[in-house]
C-alpha atoms as a PDB file:
ATOM      1  CA  MET A   1     -27.218  -4.289 230.845  1.00  0.00           C
ATOM      2  CA  ARG A   2     -24.068  -5.497 229.631  1.00  0.00           C
ATOM      3  CA  GLY A   3     -23.299  -8.492 228.517  1.00  0.00           C
ATOM      4  CA  ASP A   4     -20.371 -10.593 228.569  1.00  0.00           C
ATOM      5  CA  GLY A   5     -20.047 -10.042 224.582  1.00  0.00           C
ATOM      6  CA  ASP A   6     -19.832  -6.538 225.051  1.00  0.00           C
ATOM      7  CA  GLY A   7     -15.872  -5.685 223.948  1.00  0.00           C
ATOM      8  CA  TRP A   8     -13.552  -5.414 221.531  1.00  0.00           C
ATOM      9  CA  ALA A   9     -12.255  -8.253 219.339  1.00  0.00           C
ATOM     10  CA  THR A  10      -9.155  -8.366 217.539  1.00  0.00           C
ATOM     11  CA  SER A  11      -8.283 -10.199 214.576  1.00  0.00           C
ATOM     12  CA  GLU A  12      -4.775 -11.209 213.639  1.00  0.00           C
ATOM     13  CA  ASP A  13      -3.569  -7.950 211.492  1.00  0.00           C
ATOM     14  CA  GLY A  14      -4.704  -5.970 214.606  1.00  0.00           C
ATOM     15  CA  SER A  15      -7.685  -4.502 213.555  1.00  0.00           C
ATOM     16  CA  ARG A  16     -10.484  -4.648 215.837  1.00  0.00           C
ATOM     17  CA  TYR A  17     -14.531  -5.731 215.683  1.00  0.00           C
ATOM     18  CA  TRP A  18     -17.274  -4.810 218.085  1.00  0.00           C
ATOM     19  CA  GLY A  19     -18.491  -7.995 219.895  1.00  0.00           C
ATOM     20  CA  ARG A  20     -15.783 -10.160 221.726  1.00  0.00           C
ATOM     21  CA  PHE A  21     -17.881 -13.532 220.573  1.00  0.00           C
ATOM     22  CA  GLY A  22     -19.087 -11.841 217.544  1.00  0.00           C
ATOM     23  CA  ALA A  23     -21.960  -9.576 216.179  1.00  0.00           C
ATOM     24  CA  ALA A  24     -25.224  -9.800 214.854  1.00  0.00           C
ATOM     25  CA  GLY A  25     -28.027  -8.167 213.183  1.00  0.00           C
ATOM     26  CA  LEU A  26     -31.814  -8.072 212.384  1.00  0.00           C
ATOM     27  CA  LEU A  27     -33.149  -7.202 208.603  1.00  0.00           C
ATOM     28  CA  LEU A  28     -36.493  -6.831 209.661  1.00  0.00           C
ATOM     29  CA  ARG A  29     -39.158  -7.006 206.138  1.00  0.00           C
ATOM     30  CA  ALA A  30     -42.603  -5.523 205.905  1.00  0.00           C
ATOM     31  CA  PRO A  31     -45.217  -5.621 203.313  1.00  0.00           C
ATOM     32  CA  ALA A  32     -44.802  -1.643 201.892  1.00  0.00           C
ATOM     33  CA  GLN A  33     -47.803   0.274 200.313  1.00  0.00           C
ATOM     34  CA  ASP A  34     -47.269   0.099 197.028  1.00  0.00           C
ATOM     35  CA  GLY A  35     -47.318  -3.706 197.817  1.00  0.00           C
ATOM     36  CA  GLY A  36     -43.436  -4.544 197.603  1.00  0.00           C
ATOM     37  CA  SER A  37     -41.250  -4.526 200.871  1.00  0.00           C
ATOM     38  CA  ALA A  38     -39.655  -2.502 203.348  1.00  0.00           C
ATOM     39  CA  VAL A  39     -36.900  -2.796 205.584  1.00  0.00           C
ATOM     40  CA  LEU A  40     -35.900  -1.597 208.763  1.00  0.00           C
ATOM     41  CA  LEU A  41     -32.965   0.285 209.037  1.00  0.00           C
ATOM     42  CA  GLN A  42     -31.250   2.101 211.883  1.00  0.00           C
ATOM     43  CA  HIS A  43     -29.800   5.601 211.818  1.00  0.00           C
ATOM     44  CA  ARG A  44     -27.002   5.539 214.013  1.00  0.00           C
ATOM     45  CA  ALA A  45     -25.699   7.991 216.408  1.00  0.00           C
ATOM     46  CA  GLN A  46     -23.246  10.120 215.545  1.00  0.00           C
ATOM     47  CA  TRP A  47     -20.820   8.989 218.931  1.00  0.00           C
ATOM     48  CA  SER A  48     -21.435   5.230 217.720  1.00  0.00           C
ATOM     49  CA  HIS A  49     -18.839   3.819 215.584  1.00  0.00           C
ATOM     50  CA  GLN A  50     -19.785   4.950 211.647  1.00  0.00           C
ATOM     51  CA  GLY A  51     -22.286   7.120 213.406  1.00  0.00           C
ATOM     52  CA  GLY A  52     -24.559   8.943 210.892  1.00  0.00           C
ATOM     53  CA  THR A  53     -24.836   5.821 208.819  1.00  0.00           C
ATOM     54  CA  TRP A  54     -27.865   3.835 208.440  1.00  0.00           C
ATOM     55  CA  ALA A  55     -27.421   0.041 209.014  1.00  0.00           C
ATOM     56  CA  LEU A  56     -29.763  -3.068 210.547  1.00  0.00           C
ATOM     57  CA  PRO A  57     -30.314  -2.861 214.492  1.00  0.00           C
ATOM     58  CA  GLY A  58     -27.700  -5.218 215.762  1.00  0.00           C
ATOM     59  CA  GLY A  59     -24.737  -5.858 218.724  1.00  0.00           C
ATOM     60  CA  ALA A  60     -22.457  -7.784 220.027  1.00  0.00           C
ATOM     61  CA  ARG A  61     -23.317 -11.357 220.848  1.00  0.00           C
ATOM     62  CA  ASP A  62     -23.143 -12.788 224.523  1.00  0.00           C
ATOM     63  CA  SER A  63     -21.670 -16.189 225.068  1.00  0.00           C
ATOM     64  CA  HIS A  64     -24.897 -18.012 225.535  1.00  0.00           C
ATOM     65  CA  GLU A  65     -27.059 -16.555 222.925  1.00  0.00           C
ATOM     66  CA  SER A  66     -27.595 -18.157 219.483  1.00  0.00           C
ATOM     67  CA  THR A  67     -27.197 -15.911 216.833  1.00  0.00           C
ATOM     68  CA  THR A  68     -30.879 -15.254 216.296  1.00  0.00           C
ATOM     69  CA  HIS A  69     -31.185 -14.650 219.446  1.00  0.00           C
ATOM     70  CA  ALA A  70     -28.864 -11.756 219.596  1.00  0.00           C
ATOM     71  CA  ALA A  71     -30.301 -10.289 216.789  1.00  0.00           C
ATOM     72  CA  VAL A  72     -33.738 -10.355 217.739  1.00  0.00           C
ATOM     73  CA  ARG A  73     -32.458  -9.120 221.408  1.00  0.00           C
ATOM     74  CA  GLU A  74     -30.752  -6.098 220.089  1.00  0.00           C
ATOM     75  CA  ALA A  75     -33.774  -5.250 217.747  1.00  0.00           C
ATOM     76  CA  GLU A  76     -35.797  -4.981 220.875  1.00  0.00           C
ATOM     77  CA  GLU A  77     -33.228  -3.286 222.679  1.00  0.00           C
ATOM     78  CA  GLU A  78     -32.229  -0.183 220.379  1.00  0.00           C
ATOM     79  CA  ALA A  79     -35.723  -0.660 218.419  1.00  0.00           C
ATOM     80  CA  GLY A  80     -38.266  -1.629 220.656  1.00  0.00           C
ATOM     81  CA  ILE A  81     -39.449  -4.327 218.543  1.00  0.00           C
ATOM     82  CA  ALA A  82     -42.004  -7.009 219.907  1.00  0.00           C
ATOM     83  CA  THR A  83     -39.974 -10.387 219.596  1.00  0.00           C
ATOM     84  CA  ASP A  84     -43.661 -12.190 219.267  1.00  0.00           C
ATOM     85  CA  LEU A  85     -44.029 -10.475 216.445  1.00  0.00           C
ATOM     86  CA  VAL A  86     -40.611 -11.461 214.528  1.00  0.00           C
ATOM     87  CA  HIS A  87     -40.890 -14.418 212.141  1.00  0.00           C
ATOM     88  CA  VAL A  88     -37.824 -15.341 211.724  1.00  0.00           C
ATOM     89  CA  ARG A  89     -36.551 -16.771 208.344  1.00  0.00           C
ATOM     90  CA  ALA A  90     -32.872 -17.697 207.372  1.00  0.00           C
ATOM     91  CA  GLU A  91     -29.525 -15.895 208.569  1.00  0.00           C
ATOM     92  CA  ARG A  92     -26.382 -15.451 206.811  1.00  0.00           C
ATOM     93  CA  VAL A  93     -22.741 -14.628 208.079  1.00  0.00           C
ATOM     94  CA  THR A  94     -22.143 -11.547 206.275  1.00  0.00           C
ATOM     95  CA  ALA A  95     -18.572 -10.460 207.152  1.00  0.00           C
ATOM     96  CA  ARG A  96     -15.346 -12.958 208.754  1.00  0.00           C
ATOM     97  CA  ALA A  97     -12.325 -10.939 210.390  1.00  0.00           C
ATOM     98  CA  GLY A  98      -8.902 -13.233 211.200  1.00  0.00           C
ATOM     99  CA  GLY A  99      -9.072 -15.166 214.802  1.00  0.00           C
ATOM    100  CA  GLY A 100     -12.648 -16.036 214.345  1.00  0.00           C
ATOM    101  CA  TRP A 101     -14.674 -12.724 214.554  1.00  0.00           C
ATOM    102  CA  SER A 102     -18.467 -12.629 212.375  1.00  0.00           C
ATOM    103  CA  TYR A 103     -21.362 -10.963 211.835  1.00  0.00           C
ATOM    104  CA  THR A 104     -24.073 -12.332 210.763  1.00  0.00           C
ATOM    105  CA  THR A 105     -27.765 -11.338 209.457  1.00  0.00           C
ATOM    106  CA  VAL A 106     -30.516 -12.574 210.428  1.00  0.00           C
ATOM    107  CA  ILE A 107     -33.242 -12.498 207.942  1.00  0.00           C
ATOM    108  CA  ALA A 108     -36.998 -12.475 209.597  1.00  0.00           C
ATOM    109  CA  ASP A 109     -40.231 -10.378 208.511  1.00  0.00           C
ATOM    110  CA  ALA A 110     -43.203  -9.049 210.517  1.00  0.00           C
ATOM    111  CA  HIS A 111     -46.911  -8.829 209.032  1.00  0.00           C
ATOM    112  CA  THR A 112     -46.892  -5.612 209.263  1.00  0.00           C
ATOM    113  CA  ALA A 113     -44.647  -2.016 209.391  1.00  0.00           C
ATOM    114  CA  LEU A 114     -43.823  -2.625 213.360  1.00  0.00           C
ATOM    115  CA  ASP A 115     -44.230   0.333 215.566  1.00  0.00           C
ATOM    116  CA  THR A 116     -40.923   1.302 216.547  1.00  0.00           C
ATOM    117  CA  VAL A 117     -38.917   2.762 220.004  1.00  0.00           C
ATOM    118  CA  PRO A 118     -34.827   4.064 219.406  1.00  0.00           C
ATOM    119  CA  ASN A 119     -32.902   3.954 222.311  1.00  0.00           C
ATOM    120  CA  GLY A 120     -29.433   6.144 222.880  1.00  0.00           C
ATOM    121  CA  GLU A 121     -27.883   4.570 220.110  1.00  0.00           C
ATOM    122  CA  SER A 122     -30.566   5.934 217.514  1.00  0.00           C
ATOM    123  CA  THR A 123     -30.936   8.756 216.243  1.00  0.00           C
ATOM    124  CA  GLU A 124     -34.138   7.545 213.869  1.00  0.00           C
ATOM    125  CA  LEU A 125     -35.562   4.565 213.063  1.00  0.00           C
ATOM    126  CA  ARG A 126     -37.526   4.075 209.419  1.00  0.00           C
ATOM    127  CA  TRP A 127     -39.132   1.628 207.608  1.00  0.00           C
ATOM    128  CA  VAL A 128     -37.507   2.120 203.446  1.00  0.00           C
ATOM    129  CA  PRO A 129     -38.407   0.802 200.757  1.00  0.00           C
ATOM    130  CA  GLU A 130     -36.427  -2.261 199.375  1.00  0.00           C
ATOM    131  CA  ASP A 131     -35.644   0.001 196.460  1.00  0.00           C
ATOM    132  CA  ARG A 132     -34.566   3.209 198.306  1.00  0.00           C
ATOM    133  CA  VAL A 133     -32.035   1.835 200.723  1.00  0.00           C
ATOM    134  CA  GLU A 134     -28.968   2.261 198.598  1.00  0.00           C
ATOM    135  CA  ASP A 135     -30.099   5.642 198.119  1.00  0.00           C
ATOM    136  CA  LEU A 136     -29.079   6.069 202.130  1.00  0.00           C
ATOM    137  CA  PRO A 137     -25.498   6.630 203.430  1.00  0.00           C
ATOM    138  CA  LEU A 138     -25.121   3.152 204.762  1.00  0.00           C
ATOM    139  CA  HIS A 139     -22.407   1.286 207.038  1.00  0.00           C
ATOM    140  CA  PRO A 140     -19.707   0.080 204.780  1.00  0.00           C
ATOM    141  CA  GLY A 141     -20.155  -2.788 206.410  1.00  0.00           C
ATOM    142  CA  PHE A 142     -24.055  -2.787 205.825  1.00  0.00           C
ATOM    143  CA  ALA A 143     -23.149  -1.744 201.886  1.00  0.00           C
ATOM    144  CA  ALA A 144     -21.101  -4.475 201.278  1.00  0.00           C
ATOM    145  CA  SER A 145     -23.828  -7.294 202.577  1.00  0.00           C
ATOM    146  CA  TRP A 146     -26.588  -5.928 200.778  1.00  0.00           C
ATOM    147  CA  PRO A 147     -26.773  -6.976 197.232  1.00  0.00           C
ATOM    148  CA  SER A 148     -26.829 -10.242 198.665  1.00  0.00           C
ATOM    149  CA  LEU A 149     -29.155  -9.754 201.311  1.00  0.00           C
ATOM    150  CA  ARG A 150     -31.893  -7.816 199.145  1.00  0.00           C
ATOM    151  CA  ALA A 151     -35.155  -9.729 198.433  1.00  0.00           C
ATOM    152  CA  ALA A 152     -36.276  -9.948 194.491  1.00  0.00           C
ATOM    153  CA  PRO A 153     -40.209  -9.681 194.735  1.00  0.00           C
ATOM    154  CA  VAL A 154     -41.863 -12.828 193.643  1.00  0.00           C
ATOM    155  CA  ARG A 155     -44.773 -14.217 192.182  1.00  0.00           C
ATOM    156  CA  LEU A 156     -45.521 -17.639 192.949  1.00  0.00           C
ATOM    157  CA  LEU A 157     -47.683 -20.231 190.772  1.00  0.00           C
ATOM    158  CA  LEU A 158     -48.859 -22.743 192.825  1.00  0.00           C
ATOM    159  CA  ASP A 159     -49.470 -26.284 191.015  1.00  0.00           C
ATOM    160  CA  THR A 160     -51.792 -27.129 193.871  1.00  0.00           C
ATOM    161  CA  ALA A 161     -52.845 -30.990 192.145  1.00  0.00           C
ATOM    162  CA  ASN A 162     -49.644 -31.448 192.531  1.00  0.00           C
ATOM    163  CA  VAL A 163     -48.781 -29.873 195.480  1.00  0.00           C
ATOM    164  CA  LEU A 164     -51.923 -32.198 197.603  1.00  0.00           C
ATOM    165  CA  GLY A 165     -50.651 -34.920 196.276  1.00  0.00           C
ATOM    166  CA  SER A 166     -47.031 -35.078 196.602  1.00  0.00           C
ATOM    167  CA  ARG A 167     -48.203 -35.523 200.898  1.00  0.00           C
ATOM    168  CA  PRO A 168     -50.102 -38.962 201.561  1.00  0.00           C
ATOM    169  CA  ASN A 169     -52.239 -37.704 203.959  1.00  0.00           C
ATOM    170  CA  GLY A 170     -55.384 -38.562 203.036  1.00  0.00           C
ATOM    171  CA  TRP A 171     -56.233 -35.230 200.741  1.00  0.00           C
ATOM    172  CA  TRP A 172     -58.121 -38.131 198.186  1.00  0.00           C
ATOM    173  CA  ARG A 173     -61.338 -38.325 200.566  1.00  0.00           C
ATOM    174  CA  ASP A 174     -62.309 -34.718 200.551  1.00  0.00           C
ATOM    175  CA  ARG A 175     -60.980 -32.765 197.683  1.00  0.00           C
ATOM    176  CA  VAL A 176     -62.309 -29.647 198.047  1.00  0.00           C
ATOM    177  CA  GLY A 177     -61.452 -30.405 201.708  1.00  0.00           C
ATOM    178  CA  ALA A 178     -58.017 -30.604 201.384  1.00  0.00           C
ATOM    179  CA  THR A 179     -57.665 -27.794 199.132  1.00  0.00           C
ATOM    180  CA  GLY A 180     -59.165 -25.562 200.929  1.00  0.00           C
ATOM    181  CA  GLU A 181     -57.337 -26.306 203.998  1.00  0.00           C
ATOM    182  CA  LEU A 182     -53.862 -26.153 201.781  1.00  0.00           C
ATOM    183  CA  LEU A 183     -54.713 -22.549 200.699  1.00  0.00           C
ATOM    184  CA  ALA A 184     -56.016 -21.476 204.154  1.00  0.00           C
ATOM    185  CA  ALA A 185     -52.453 -22.284 205.684  1.00  0.00           C
ATOM    186  CA  LEU A 186     -50.829 -20.896 202.847  1.00  0.00           C
ATOM    187  CA  ALA A 187     -52.383 -17.515 202.987  1.00  0.00           C
ATOM    188  CA  GLY A 188     -51.789 -18.207 206.862  1.00  0.00           C
ATOM    189  CA  SER A 189     -47.977 -18.393 206.055  1.00  0.00           C
ATOM    190  CA  LEU A 190     -46.962 -14.635 204.138  1.00  0.00           C
ATOM    191  CA  PRO A 191     -46.355 -12.616 203.387  1.00  0.00           C
ATOM    192  CA  ARG A 192     -43.192 -13.893 203.877  1.00  0.00           C
ATOM    193  CA  THR A 193     -39.023 -13.539 202.514  1.00  0.00           C
ATOM    194  CA  ILE A 194     -38.229 -16.883 200.446  1.00  0.00           C
ATOM    195  CA  GLU A 195     -34.948 -18.292 199.911  1.00  0.00           C
ATOM    196  CA  LEU A 196     -34.285 -18.881 196.221  1.00  0.00           C
ATOM    197  CA  PRO A 197     -32.451 -21.175 194.605  1.00  0.00           C
ATOM    198  CA  GLY A 198     -28.638 -20.214 194.368  1.00  0.00           C
ATOM    199  CA  GLY A 199     -28.745 -18.516 197.443  1.00  0.00           C
ATOM    200  CA  GLY A 200     -30.518 -15.253 196.761  1.00  0.00           C
ATOM    201  CA  PHE A 201     -33.983 -13.631 198.709  1.00  0.00           C
ATOM    202  CA  GLY A 202     -37.156 -13.012 197.215  1.00  0.00           C
ATOM    203  CA  TRP A 203     -40.352 -11.194 198.763  1.00  0.00           C
ATOM    204  CA  LEU A 204     -43.497 -13.012 198.589  1.00  0.00           C
ATOM    205  CA  PRO A 205     -46.579 -11.248 199.174  1.00  0.00           C
ATOM    206  CA  ARG A 206     -49.384 -14.190 198.409  1.00  0.00           C
ATOM    207  CA  VAL A 207     -49.603 -17.307 196.142  1.00  0.00           C
ATOM    208  CA  GLU A 208     -51.382 -17.670 192.977  1.00  0.00           C
ATOM    209  CA  ALA A 209     -53.255 -21.222 193.124  1.00  0.00           C
ATOM    210  CA  VAL A 210     -54.261 -22.640 189.866  1.00  0.00           C
ATOM    211  CA  LEU A 211     -56.809 -24.708 190.414  1.00  0.00           C
ATOM    212  CA  GLU A 212     -58.790 -27.737 188.285  1.00  0.00           C
ATOM    213  CA  GLY A 213     -61.064 -31.366 188.867  1.00  0.00           C
ATOM    214  CA  GLN A 214     -63.251 -30.727 191.666  1.00  0.00           C
ATOM    215  CA  ALA A 215     -60.942 -28.718 193.291  1.00  0.00           C
ATOM    216  CA  VAL A 216     -62.175 -25.489 191.230  1.00  0.00           C
ATOM    217  CA  ALA A 217     -65.407 -25.589 194.104  1.00  0.00           C
ATOM    218  CA  VAL A 218     -63.023 -24.525 196.712  1.00  0.00           C
ATOM    219  CA  SER A 219     -63.535 -20.531 196.669  1.00  0.00           C
ATOM    220  CA  ASP A 220     -61.150 -17.310 196.772  1.00  0.00           C
ATOM    221  CA  VAL A 221     -60.101 -18.519 200.369  1.00  0.00           C
ATOM    222  CA  ASP A 222     -58.224 -15.219 201.139  1.00  0.00           C
ATOM    223  CA  ALA A 223     -56.601 -12.211 199.278  1.00  0.00           C
ATOM    224  CA  ARG A 224     -52.797 -13.377 199.643  1.00  0.00           C
ATOM    225  CA  VAL A 225     -54.485 -16.533 197.617  1.00  0.00           C
ATOM    226  CA  PRO A 226     -55.821 -15.529 194.474  1.00  0.00           C
ATOM    227  CA  VAL A 227     -57.592 -18.540 192.460  1.00  0.00           C
ATOM    228  CA  HIS A 228     -57.019 -19.322 188.959  1.00  0.00           C
ATOM    229  CA  VAL A 229     -59.307 -22.132 187.064  1.00  0.00           C
ATOM    230  CA  ALA A 230     -58.361 -23.607 184.875  1.00  0.00           C
ATOM    231  CA  SER A 231     -60.911 -24.241 182.064  1.00  0.00           C
ATOM    232  CA  GLY A 232     -58.992 -27.593 181.225  1.00  0.00           C
ATOM    233  CA  SER A 233     -55.793 -29.039 181.952  1.00  0.00           C
ATOM    234  CA  GLY A 234     -54.056 -27.447 185.096  1.00  0.00           C
ATOM    235  CA  ASP A 235     -50.542 -27.749 183.271  1.00  0.00           C
ATOM    236  CA  ASP A 236     -51.901 -25.519 180.410  1.00  0.00           C
ATOM    237  CA  ALA A 237     -53.594 -22.636 182.943  1.00  0.00           C
ATOM    238  CA  LEU A 238     -49.893 -22.798 184.336  1.00  0.00           C
ATOM    239  CA  ALA A 239     -47.724 -22.799 181.121  1.00  0.00           C
ATOM    240  CA  LEU A 240     -49.577 -19.587 180.392  1.00  0.00           C
ATOM    241  CA  LEU A 241     -49.303 -18.101 183.432  1.00  0.00           C
ATOM    242  CA  ALA A 242     -45.796 -18.585 183.249  1.00  0.00           C
ATOM    243  CA  SER A 243     -45.461 -17.267 180.025  1.00  0.00           C
ATOM    244  CA  GLY A 244     -47.310 -14.102 180.742  1.00  0.00           C
ATOM    245  CA  ARG A 245     -49.374 -14.670 177.918  1.00  0.00           C
ATOM    246  CA  SER A 246     -52.932 -15.614 179.654  1.00  0.00           C
ATOM    247  CA  ALA A 247     -55.590 -13.063 179.973  1.00  0.00           C
ATOM    248  CA  SER A 248     -56.940 -14.699 183.051  1.00  0.00           C
ATOM    249  CA  THR A 249     -54.971 -12.636 185.752  1.00  0.00           C
ATOM    250  CA  THR A 250     -55.552  -9.236 186.725  1.00  0.00           C
ATOM    251  CA  LEU A 251     -53.105  -9.182 189.215  1.00  0.00           C
ATOM    252  CA  THR A 252     -50.339  -6.480 188.661  1.00  0.00           C
ATOM    253  CA  GLY A 253     -46.804  -7.663 189.526  1.00  0.00           C
ATOM    254  CA  LEU A 254     -43.456  -5.651 190.649  1.00  0.00           C
ATOM    255  CA  ALA A 255     -40.722  -4.145 188.499  1.00  0.00           C
ATOM    256  CA  GLY A 256     -38.193  -6.453 188.800  1.00  0.00           C
ATOM    257  CA  GLU A 257     -40.639  -9.129 189.738  1.00  0.00           C
ATOM    258  CA  LEU A 258     -39.425 -12.785 189.569  1.00  0.00           C
ATOM    259  CA  THR A 259     -41.899 -15.745 188.315  1.00  0.00           C
ATOM    260  CA  ALA A 260     -41.662 -19.287 190.033  1.00  0.00           C
ATOM    261  CA  VAL A 261     -43.918 -22.268 189.588  1.00  0.00           C
ATOM    262  CA  VAL A 262     -43.964 -24.790 192.574  1.00  0.00           C
ATOM    263  CA  THR A 263     -44.389 -28.216 191.032  1.00  0.00           C
ATOM    264  CA  ALA A 264     -42.327 -31.287 190.651  1.00  0.00           C
ATOM    265  CA  ASP A 265     -44.011 -32.558 187.319  1.00  0.00           C
ATOM    266  CA  ARG A 266     -41.253 -32.918 184.740  1.00  0.00           C
ATOM    267  CA  GLY A 267     -43.415 -32.366 182.029  1.00  0.00           C
ATOM    268  CA  LEU A 268     -44.775 -28.709 183.089  1.00  0.00           C
ATOM    269  CA  ARG A 269     -40.814 -27.675 184.257  1.00  0.00           C
ATOM    270  CA  ASP A 270     -39.958 -28.708 180.611  1.00  0.00           C
ATOM    271  CA  ARG A 271     -42.701 -26.335 178.981  1.00  0.00           C
ATOM    272  CA  LEU A 272     -41.956 -23.542 181.058  1.00  0.00           C
ATOM    273  CA  PRO A 273     -39.243 -20.917 180.141  1.00  0.00           C
ATOM    274  CA  GLU A 274     -35.943 -20.969 180.961  1.00  0.00           C
ATOM    275  CA  SER A 275     -36.092 -17.455 183.282  1.00  0.00           C
ATOM    276  CA  VAL A 276     -38.928 -18.767 185.373  1.00  0.00           C
ATOM    277  CA  LEU A 277     -37.739 -20.206 188.931  1.00  0.00           C
ATOM    278  CA  ARG A 278     -38.637 -24.003 189.173  1.00  0.00           C
ATOM    279  CA  LEU A 279     -39.322 -24.379 193.188  1.00  0.00           C
ATOM    280  CA  SER A 280     -40.443 -28.249 194.650  1.00  0.00           C
ATOM    281  CA  PRO A 281     -44.002 -28.494 196.563  1.00  0.00           C
ATOM    282  CA  SER A 282     -42.043 -29.722 199.597  1.00  0.00           C
ATOM    283  CA  ALA A 283     -40.027 -25.815 199.744  1.00  0.00           C
ATOM    284  CA  VAL A 284     -43.806 -24.884 200.766  1.00  0.00           C
ATOM    285  CA  LEU A 285     -45.302 -27.184 201.999  1.00  0.00           C
ATOM    286  CA  ASP A 286     -41.793 -26.786 204.830  1.00  0.00           C
ATOM    287  CA  TRP A 287     -43.448 -22.916 205.469  1.00  0.00           C
ATOM    288  CA  LEU A 288     -46.762 -25.061 206.892  1.00  0.00           C
ATOM    289  CA  ASP A 289     -44.162 -27.005 209.545  1.00  0.00           C
END
């Protein structure tokens, strides 16, 4: 069914762009077999504009649609993606033209690489490991925006006591129970794409929680939230883990992995290596709302 957005928009210099009201595409990310991430790409049919190249499922936005709705709808139409399994995380305007036309990339993820069903606009749909995307002949527009959309793998360390204490929800009445609930909720929000300080993106397959005091009674809640039990100060354990000098972890990292620590503790933040990202508790707690 054709929408009212199907058609060409003409910029001030006479260039034409598909989508009378702009266009949108879905960057859908899912776990890869190596523990990293993969993105869903479409091999465009030869008859289409820039046919034979690889890009995101996407197309024209209708006048009544949000960019998110348009991107998810196009992914359903072109790739058979089950929309109820798609979790939208962010969006970025990745192209503009004179006259008001724009292309918006909607960033989303799924808990697993979803089955796909191509329509006539695709010769193939493929889940491509994130570090292999540039090996393909990409649509020029997608190639230009890909460096700003690509997600770096992130190792996230959680100052659990500090995060728990940042919300006055009565956690102190049952610290063990509240800690378990927090870790279970975090596990349910993973894996996910996250926005990094500075505007980039990260891929987060798990969160490593550091426990101290009464909270050490909490056993591992889920494989997505492995637990480190501090033998002394939780801050000491976090500083060691962040510097890579702790022998207590057997988790293996990915090439190019960034390390981030979630804490509002200024003393701990000052002890972290400069290369470590500092995230506030609210950044993580927002995932649960």
